[in-house]
Amino acid sequence: MKVNISIDMTPEEFRKLMGWPDVQELNNEIIEKMREQMAAGAEGYDPLSLMQPYINQSFESMGGFQKIMTNMMENYWSTNKKEE
């Protein structure tokens, strides 16, 4: 038996459903700070160092998501093998 569920929602609605915070203002502040530093021609300016904490956090989040998906697939396959 197959069950398909289709949900039509905007990214904003999905964010609220998942309980994720609205980080648009934070994103705007980061971009503005980067623009200011680039416009000022700050010597030794490295945008990667400014974004490093957020990049690390994104990789950790992606790793967690991959673990969840892997566990779901492993459970699916082990359940189907038992039924056969």
PDB file of N, CA and C in Angstrom:
ATOM      1  N   MET A   1       0.847  -1.168   0.000  1.00  0.00           N
ATOM      2  CA  MET A   1       0.000   0.000   0.000  1.00  0.00           C
ATOM      3  C   MET A   1       0.893   1.232   0.000  1.00  0.00           C
ATOM      4  N   LYS A   2       0.496   2.201  -0.795  1.00  0.00           N
ATOM      5  CA  LYS A   2       1.226   3.464  -0.845  1.00  0.00           C
ATOM      6  C   LYS A   2       0.280   4.583  -0.430  1.00  0.00           C
ATOM      7  N   VAL A   3       0.824   5.487   0.349  1.00  0.00           N
ATOM      8  CA  VAL A   3       0.058   6.655   0.764  1.00  0.00           C
ATOM      9  C   VAL A   3       0.884   7.881   0.408  1.00  0.00           C
ATOM     10  N   ASN A   4       0.335   8.763  -0.343  1.00  0.00           N
ATOM     11  CA  ASN A   4       0.999  10.007  -0.704  1.00  0.00           C
ATOM     12  C   ASN A   4       0.265  11.165  -0.059  1.00  0.00           C
ATOM     13  N   ILE A   5       1.032  12.032   0.568  1.00  0.00           N
ATOM     14  CA  ILE A   5       0.460  13.220   1.182  1.00  0.00           C
ATOM     15  C   ILE A   5       1.108  14.421   0.520  1.00  0.00           C
ATOM     16  N   SER A   6       0.300  15.299   0.008  1.00  0.00           N
ATOM     17  CA  SER A   6       0.796  16.502  -0.648  1.00  0.00           C
ATOM     18  C   SER A   6       0.356  17.713   0.171  1.00  0.00           C
ATOM     19  N   ILE A   7       1.326  18.526   0.549  1.00  0.00           N
ATOM     20  CA  ILE A   7       1.035  19.705   1.356  1.00  0.00           C
ATOM     21  C   ILE A   7       1.478  20.932   0.576  1.00  0.00           C
ATOM     22  N   ASP A   8       0.577  21.844   0.383  1.00  0.00           N
ATOM     23  CA  ASP A   8       0.872  23.068  -0.353  1.00  0.00           C
ATOM     24  C   ASP A   8       0.960  24.214   0.643  1.00  0.00           C
ATOM     25  N   MET A   9       2.193  24.684   0.888  1.00  0.00           N
ATOM     26  CA  MET A   9       2.369  25.795   1.819  1.00  0.00           C
ATOM     27  C   MET A   9       3.574  26.618   1.402  1.00  0.00           C
ATOM     28  N   THR A  10       3.580  27.842   1.852  1.00  0.00           N
ATOM     29  CA  THR A  10       4.689  28.744   1.557  1.00  0.00           C
ATOM     30  C   THR A  10       5.852  28.435   2.495  1.00  0.00           C
ATOM     31  N   PRO A  11       7.057  28.879   2.153  1.00  0.00           N
ATOM     32  CA  PRO A  11       8.182  28.696   3.065  1.00  0.00           C
ATOM     33  C   PRO A  11       7.922  29.317   4.444  1.00  0.00           C
ATOM     34  N   GLU A  12       7.247  30.441   4.468  1.00  0.00           N
ATOM     35  CA  GLU A  12       6.925  31.107   5.741  1.00  0.00           C
ATOM     36  C   GLU A  12       6.002  30.228   6.585  1.00  0.00           C
ATOM     37  N   GLU A  13       4.986  29.639   5.958  1.00  0.00           N
ATOM     38  CA  GLU A  13       4.073  28.752   6.677  1.00  0.00           C
ATOM     39  C   GLU A  13       4.803  27.510   7.183  1.00  0.00           C
ATOM     40  N   PHE A  14       5.713  26.966   6.370  1.00  0.00           N
ATOM     41  CA  PHE A  14       6.477  25.786   6.782  1.00  0.00           C
ATOM     42  C   PHE A  14       7.373  26.126   7.963  1.00  0.00           C
ATOM     43  N   ARG A  15       8.019  27.293   7.923  1.00  0.00           N
ATOM     44  CA  ARG A  15       8.886  27.722   9.024  1.00  0.00           C
ATOM     45  C   ARG A  15       8.096  27.798  10.323  1.00  0.00           C
ATOM     46  N   LYS A  16       6.919  28.391  10.272  1.00  0.00           N
ATOM     47  CA  LYS A  16       6.081  28.505  11.468  1.00  0.00           C
ATOM     48  C   LYS A  16       5.612  27.139  11.948  1.00  0.00           C
ATOM     49  N   LEU A  17       5.245  26.254  11.017  1.00  0.00           N
ATOM     50  CA  LEU A  17       4.799  24.910  11.368  1.00  0.00           C
ATOM     51  C   LEU A  17       5.899  24.134  12.096  1.00  0.00           C
ATOM     52  N   MET A  18       7.133  24.297  11.640  1.00  0.00           N
ATOM     53  CA  MET A  18       8.258  23.589  12.248  1.00  0.00           C
ATOM     54  C   MET A  18       8.734  24.257  13.535  1.00  0.00           C
ATOM     55  N   GLY A  19       8.255  25.474  13.803  1.00  0.00           N
ATOM     56  CA  GLY A  19       8.655  26.180  15.012  1.00  0.00           C
ATOM     57  C   GLY A  19      10.015  26.835  14.899  1.00  0.00           C
ATOM     58  N   TRP A  20      10.467  27.028  13.657  1.00  0.00           N
ATOM     59  CA  TRP A  20      11.770  27.660  13.434  1.00  0.00           C
ATOM     60  C   TRP A  20      11.644  29.165  13.575  1.00  0.00           C
ATOM     61  N   PRO A  21      12.677  29.822  14.083  1.00  0.00           N
ATOM     62  CA  PRO A  21      12.617  31.273  14.260  1.00  0.00           C
ATOM     63  C   PRO A  21      12.730  32.008  12.923  1.00  0.00           C
ATOM     64  N   ASP A  22      12.209  33.208  12.908  1.00  0.00           N
ATOM     65  CA  ASP A  22      12.333  34.062  11.726  1.00  0.00           C
ATOM     66  C   ASP A  22      13.676  34.773  11.815  1.00  0.00           C
ATOM     67  N   VAL A  23      14.594  34.432  10.934  1.00  0.00           N
ATOM     68  CA  VAL A  23      15.949  34.988  10.975  1.00  0.00           C
ATOM     69  C   VAL A  23      16.184  36.014   9.872  1.00  0.00           C
ATOM     70  N   GLN A  24      15.113  36.490   9.263  1.00  0.00           N
ATOM     71  CA  GLN A  24      15.253  37.448   8.169  1.00  0.00           C
ATOM     72  C   GLN A  24      15.947  38.727   8.634  1.00  0.00           C
ATOM     73  N   GLU A  25      15.573  39.235   9.802  1.00  0.00           N
ATOM     74  CA  GLU A  25      16.199  40.462  10.310  1.00  0.00           C
ATOM     75  C   GLU A  25      17.683  40.247  10.586  1.00  0.00           C
ATOM     76  N   LEU A  26      18.026  39.111  11.168  1.00  0.00           N
ATOM     77  CA  LEU A  26      19.427  38.777  11.417  1.00  0.00           C
ATOM     78  C   LEU A  26      20.196  38.690  10.101  1.00  0.00           C
ATOM     79  N   ASN A  27      19.605  38.052   9.111  1.00  0.00           N
ATOM     80  CA  ASN A  27      20.235  37.947   7.803  1.00  0.00           C
ATOM     81  C   ASN A  27      20.470  39.332   7.197  1.00  0.00           C
ATOM     82  N   ASN A  28      19.484  40.204   7.305  1.00  0.00           N
ATOM     83  CA  ASN A  28      19.635  41.560   6.780  1.00  0.00           C
ATOM     84  C   ASN A  28      20.765  42.313   7.476  1.00  0.00           C
ATOM     85  N   GLU A  29      20.890  42.140   8.791  1.00  0.00           N
ATOM     86  CA  GLU A  29      21.963  42.795   9.536  1.00  0.00           C
ATOM     87  C   GLU A  29      23.335  42.291   9.113  1.00  0.00           C
ATOM     88  N   ILE A  30      23.460  40.995   8.912  1.00  0.00           N
ATOM     89  CA  ILE A  30      24.735  40.416   8.494  1.00  0.00           C
ATOM     90  C   ILE A  30      25.127  40.936   7.117  1.00  0.00           C
ATOM     91  N   ILE A  31      24.174  40.940   6.201  1.00  0.00           N
ATOM     92  CA  ILE A  31      24.449  41.430   4.846  1.00  0.00           C
ATOM     93  C   ILE A  31      24.845  42.902   4.887  1.00  0.00           C
ATOM     94  N   GLU A  32      24.151  43.694   5.687  1.00  0.00           N
ATOM     95  CA  GLU A  32      24.473  45.122   5.790  1.00  0.00           C
ATOM     96  C   GLU A  32      25.878  45.320   6.358  1.00  0.00           C
ATOM     97  N   LYS A  33      26.239  44.541   7.366  1.00  0.00           N
ATOM     98  CA  LYS A  33      27.579  44.645   7.953  1.00  0.00           C
ATOM     99  C   LYS A  33      28.649  44.272   6.928  1.00  0.00           C
ATOM    100  N   MET A  34      28.385  43.240   6.155  1.00  0.00           N
ATOM    101  CA  MET A  34      29.328  42.841   5.116  1.00  0.00           C
ATOM    102  C   MET A  34      29.481  43.949   4.075  1.00  0.00           C
ATOM    103  N   ARG A  35      28.371  44.558   3.691  1.00  0.00           N
ATOM    104  CA  ARG A  35      28.422  45.652   2.708  1.00  0.00           C
ATOM    105  C   ARG A  35      29.217  46.834   3.242  1.00  0.00           C
ATOM    106  N   GLU A  36      29.000  47.166   4.519  1.00  0.00           N
ATOM    107  CA  GLU A  36      29.738  48.281   5.117  1.00  0.00           C
ATOM    108  C   GLU A  36      31.236  48.023   5.107  1.00  0.00           C
ATOM    109  N   GLN A  37      31.627  46.820   5.485  1.00  0.00           N
ATOM    110  CA  GLN A  37      33.050  46.485   5.522  1.00  0.00           C
ATOM    111  C   GLN A  37      33.647  46.450   4.122  1.00  0.00           C
ATOM    112  N   MET A  38      32.904  45.959   3.157  1.00  0.00           N
ATOM    113  CA  MET A  38      33.406  45.937   1.787  1.00  0.00           C
ATOM    114  C   MET A  38      33.528  47.350   1.236  1.00  0.00           C
ATOM    115  N   ALA A  39      32.539  48.202   1.540  1.00  0.00           N
ATOM    116  CA  ALA A  39      32.570  49.583   1.056  1.00  0.00           C
ATOM    117  C   ALA A  39      33.702  50.373   1.707  1.00  0.00           C
ATOM    118  N   ALA A  40      33.977  50.075   2.958  1.00  0.00           N
ATOM    119  CA  ALA A  40      35.043  50.780   3.664  1.00  0.00           C
ATOM    120  C   ALA A  40      36.414  50.273   3.225  1.00  0.00           C
ATOM    121  N   GLY A  41      36.437  49.174   2.505  1.00  0.00           N
ATOM    122  CA  GLY A  41      37.704  48.627   2.055  1.00  0.00           C
ATOM    123  C   GLY A  41      38.567  48.165   3.213  1.00  0.00           C
ATOM    124  N   ALA A  42      37.917  47.582   4.200  1.00  0.00           N
ATOM    125  CA  ALA A  42      38.634  47.145   5.391  1.00  0.00           C
ATOM    126  C   ALA A  42      39.776  46.226   4.996  1.00  0.00           C
ATOM    127  N   GLU A  43      40.949  46.550   5.464  1.00  0.00           N
ATOM    128  CA  GLU A  43      42.123  45.753   5.148  1.00  0.00           C
ATOM    129  C   GLU A  43      42.024  44.412   5.876  1.00  0.00           C
ATOM    130  N   GLY A  44      42.297  43.360   5.144  1.00  0.00           N
ATOM    131  CA  GLY A  44      42.227  42.037   5.737  1.00  0.00           C
ATOM    132  C   GLY A  44      40.804  41.542   5.917  1.00  0.00           C
ATOM    133  N   TYR A  45      39.850  42.193   5.268  1.00  0.00           N
ATOM    134  CA  TYR A  45      38.453  41.774   5.385  1.00  0.00           C
ATOM    135  C   TYR A  45      38.276  40.389   4.777  1.00  0.00           C
ATOM    136  N   ASP A  46      37.702  39.503   5.533  1.00  0.00           N
ATOM    137  CA  ASP A  46      37.466  38.134   5.078  1.00  0.00           C
ATOM    138  C   ASP A  46      36.016  37.775   5.367  1.00  0.00           C
ATOM    139  N   PRO A  47      35.151  37.770   4.345  1.00  0.00           N
ATOM    140  CA  PRO A  47      33.742  37.465   4.591  1.00  0.00           C
ATOM    141  C   PRO A  47      33.521  36.069   5.168  1.00  0.00           C
ATOM    142  N   LEU A  48      34.415  35.137   4.856  1.00  0.00           N
ATOM    143  CA  LEU A  48      34.262  33.790   5.383  1.00  0.00           C
ATOM    144  C   LEU A  48      34.378  33.777   6.902  1.00  0.00           C
ATOM    145  N   SER A  49      35.286  34.573   7.468  1.00  0.00           N
ATOM    146  CA  SER A  49      35.429  34.598   8.928  1.00  0.00           C
ATOM    147  C   SER A  49      34.181  35.174   9.593  1.00  0.00           C
ATOM    148  N   LEU A  50      33.517  36.097   8.912  1.00  0.00           N
ATOM    149  CA  LEU A  50      32.281  36.674   9.444  1.00  0.00           C
ATOM    150  C   LEU A  50      31.158  35.632   9.457  1.00  0.00           C
ATOM    151  N   MET A  51      31.130  34.789   8.446  1.00  0.00           N
ATOM    152  CA  MET A  51      30.053  33.818   8.304  1.00  0.00           C
ATOM    153  C   MET A  51      30.381  32.456   8.919  1.00  0.00           C
ATOM    154  N   GLN A  52      31.606  32.251   9.366  1.00  0.00           N
ATOM    155  CA  GLN A  52      32.043  30.945   9.846  1.00  0.00           C
ATOM    156  C   GLN A  52      31.131  30.317  10.910  1.00  0.00           C
ATOM    157  N   PRO A  53      30.706  31.058  11.936  1.00  0.00           N
ATOM    158  CA  PRO A  53      29.814  30.427  12.932  1.00  0.00           C
ATOM    159  C   PRO A  53      28.510  29.919  12.324  1.00  0.00           C
ATOM    160  N   TYR A  54      27.972  30.643  11.353  1.00  0.00           N
ATOM    161  CA  TYR A  54      26.709  30.247  10.738  1.00  0.00           C
ATOM    162  C   TYR A  54      26.907  29.067   9.794  1.00  0.00           C
ATOM    163  N   ILE A  55      28.044  29.033   9.119  1.00  0.00           N
ATOM    164  CA  ILE A  55      28.339  27.923   8.219  1.00  0.00           C
ATOM    165  C   ILE A  55      28.486  26.635   9.021  1.00  0.00           C
ATOM    166  N   ASN A  56      29.228  26.692  10.127  1.00  0.00           N
ATOM    167  CA  ASN A  56      29.402  25.505  10.970  1.00  0.00           C
ATOM    168  C   ASN A  56      28.064  24.991  11.474  1.00  0.00           C
ATOM    169  N   GLN A  57      27.211  25.907  11.913  1.00  0.00           N
ATOM    170  CA  GLN A  57      25.900  25.520  12.421  1.00  0.00           C
ATOM    171  C   GLN A  57      25.061  24.879  11.312  1.00  0.00           C
ATOM    172  N   SER A  58      25.166  25.392  10.090  1.00  0.00           N
ATOM    173  CA  SER A  58      24.412  24.827   8.973  1.00  0.00           C
ATOM    174  C   SER A  58      24.862  23.403   8.679  1.00  0.00           C
ATOM    175  N   PHE A  59      26.166  23.166   8.722  1.00  0.00           N
ATOM    176  CA  PHE A  59      26.672  21.818   8.470  1.00  0.00           C
ATOM    177  C   PHE A  59      26.201  20.855   9.553  1.00  0.00           C
ATOM    178  N   GLU A  60      26.180  21.305  10.811  1.00  0.00           N
ATOM    179  CA  GLU A  60      25.709  20.458  11.900  1.00  0.00           C
ATOM    180  C   GLU A  60      24.235  20.122  11.718  1.00  0.00           C
ATOM    181  N   SER A  61      23.451  21.115  11.302  1.00  0.00           N
ATOM    182  CA  SER A  61      22.027  20.886  11.068  1.00  0.00           C
ATOM    183  C   SER A  61      21.824  19.897   9.932  1.00  0.00           C
ATOM    184  N   MET A  62      22.604  20.045   8.861  1.00  0.00           N
ATOM    185  CA  MET A  62      22.484  19.136   7.727  1.00  0.00           C
ATOM    186  C   MET A  62      22.876  17.721   8.140  1.00  0.00           C
ATOM    187  N   GLY A  63      23.897  17.604   8.971  1.00  0.00           N
ATOM    188  CA  GLY A  63      24.304  16.284   9.464  1.00  0.00           C
ATOM    189  C   GLY A  63      23.201  15.623  10.263  1.00  0.00           C
ATOM    190  N   GLY A  64      22.526  16.393  11.097  1.00  0.00           N
ATOM    191  CA  GLY A  64      21.404  15.867  11.872  1.00  0.00           C
ATOM    192  C   GLY A  64      20.270  15.410  10.975  1.00  0.00           C
ATOM    193  N   PHE A  65      19.986  16.198   9.944  1.00  0.00           N
ATOM    194  CA  PHE A  65      18.935  15.841   8.991  1.00  0.00           C
ATOM    195  C   PHE A  65      19.291  14.550   8.265  1.00  0.00           C
ATOM    196  N   GLN A  66      20.561  14.422   7.859  1.00  0.00           N
ATOM    197  CA  GLN A  66      20.993  13.207   7.168  1.00  0.00           C
ATOM    198  C   GLN A  66      20.869  11.984   8.072  1.00  0.00           C
ATOM    199  N   LYS A  67      21.173  12.138   9.360  1.00  0.00           N
ATOM    200  CA  LYS A  67      21.032  11.022  10.298  1.00  0.00           C
ATOM    201  C   LYS A  67      19.571  10.592  10.413  1.00  0.00           C
ATOM    202  N   ILE A  68      18.675  11.553  10.487  1.00  0.00           N
ATOM    203  CA  ILE A  68      17.246  11.248  10.571  1.00  0.00           C
ATOM    204  C   ILE A  68      16.797  10.482   9.339  1.00  0.00           C
ATOM    205  N   MET A  69      17.188  10.964   8.158  1.00  0.00           N
ATOM    206  CA  MET A  69      16.785  10.309   6.915  1.00  0.00           C
ATOM    207  C   MET A  69      17.379   8.906   6.820  1.00  0.00           C
ATOM    208  N   THR A  70      18.638   8.754   7.225  1.00  0.00           N
ATOM    209  CA  THR A  70      19.282   7.438   7.201  1.00  0.00           C
ATOM    210  C   THR A  70      18.554   6.473   8.119  1.00  0.00           C
ATOM    211  N   ASN A  71      18.214   6.903   9.321  1.00  0.00           N
ATOM    212  CA  ASN A  71      17.480   6.047  10.262  1.00  0.00           C
ATOM    213  C   ASN A  71      16.121   5.640   9.709  1.00  0.00           C
ATOM    214  N   MET A  72      15.440   6.596   9.064  1.00  0.00           N
ATOM    215  CA  MET A  72      14.139   6.281   8.478  1.00  0.00           C
ATOM    216  C   MET A  72      14.278   5.224   7.389  1.00  0.00           C
ATOM    217  N   MET A  73      15.292   5.374   6.524  1.00  0.00           N
ATOM    218  CA  MET A  73      15.483   4.394   5.445  1.00  0.00           C
ATOM    219  C   MET A  73      15.880   3.027   5.997  1.00  0.00           C
ATOM    220  N   GLU A  74      16.751   3.012   7.010  1.00  0.00           N
ATOM    221  CA  GLU A  74      17.156   1.738   7.610  1.00  0.00           C
ATOM    222  C   GLU A  74      15.957   1.028   8.243  1.00  0.00           C
ATOM    223  N   ASN A  75      15.117   1.778   8.940  1.00  0.00           N
ATOM    224  CA  ASN A  75      13.919   1.195   9.545  1.00  0.00           C
ATOM    225  C   ASN A  75      12.964   0.668   8.485  1.00  0.00           C
ATOM    226  N   TYR A  76      12.834   1.399   7.400  1.00  0.00           N
ATOM    227  CA  TYR A  76      11.957   0.979   6.303  1.00  0.00           C
ATOM    228  C   TYR A  76      12.441  -0.342   5.715  1.00  0.00           C
ATOM    229  N   TRP A  77      13.744  -0.405   5.412  1.00  0.00           N
ATOM    230  CA  TRP A  77      14.280  -1.623   4.792  1.00  0.00           C
ATOM    231  C   TRP A  77      14.230  -2.807   5.755  1.00  0.00           C
ATOM    232  N   SER A  78      14.531  -2.575   7.022  1.00  0.00           N
ATOM    233  CA  SER A  78      14.504  -3.699   7.970  1.00  0.00           C
ATOM    234  C   SER A  78      13.067  -4.201   8.167  1.00  0.00           C
ATOM    235  N   THR A  79      12.099  -3.306   8.157  1.00  0.00           N
ATOM    236  CA  THR A  79      10.693  -3.708   8.281  1.00  0.00           C
ATOM    237  C   THR A  79      10.241  -4.494   7.053  1.00  0.00           C
ATOM    238  N   ASN A  80      10.635  -4.056   5.864  1.00  0.00           N
ATOM    239  CA  ASN A  80      10.231  -4.749   4.638  1.00  0.00           C
ATOM    240  C   ASN A  80      10.889  -6.113   4.525  1.00  0.00           C
ATOM    241  N   LYS A  81      12.116  -6.261   4.979  1.00  0.00           N
ATOM    242  CA  LYS A  81      12.785  -7.558   4.921  1.00  0.00           C
ATOM    243  C   LYS A  81      12.133  -8.552   5.862  1.00  0.00           C
ATOM    244  N   LYS A  82      11.666  -8.077   7.021  1.00  0.00           N
ATOM    245  CA  LYS A  82      10.998  -8.956   7.982  1.00  0.00           C
ATOM    246  C   LYS A  82       9.676  -9.477   7.424  1.00  0.00           C
ATOM    247  N   GLU A  83       8.984  -8.631   6.655  1.00  0.00           N
ATOM    248  CA  GLU A  83       7.674  -9.009   6.097  1.00  0.00           C
ATOM    249  C   GLU A  83       7.818 -10.034   4.990  1.00  0.00           C
ATOM    250  N   GLU A  84       8.963 -10.048   4.302  1.00  0.00           N
ATOM    251  CA  GLU A  84       9.158 -10.974   3.193  1.00  0.00           C
ATOM    252  C   GLU A  84       9.456 -12.300   3.715  1.00  0.00           C
TER     253      GLU A  84
END
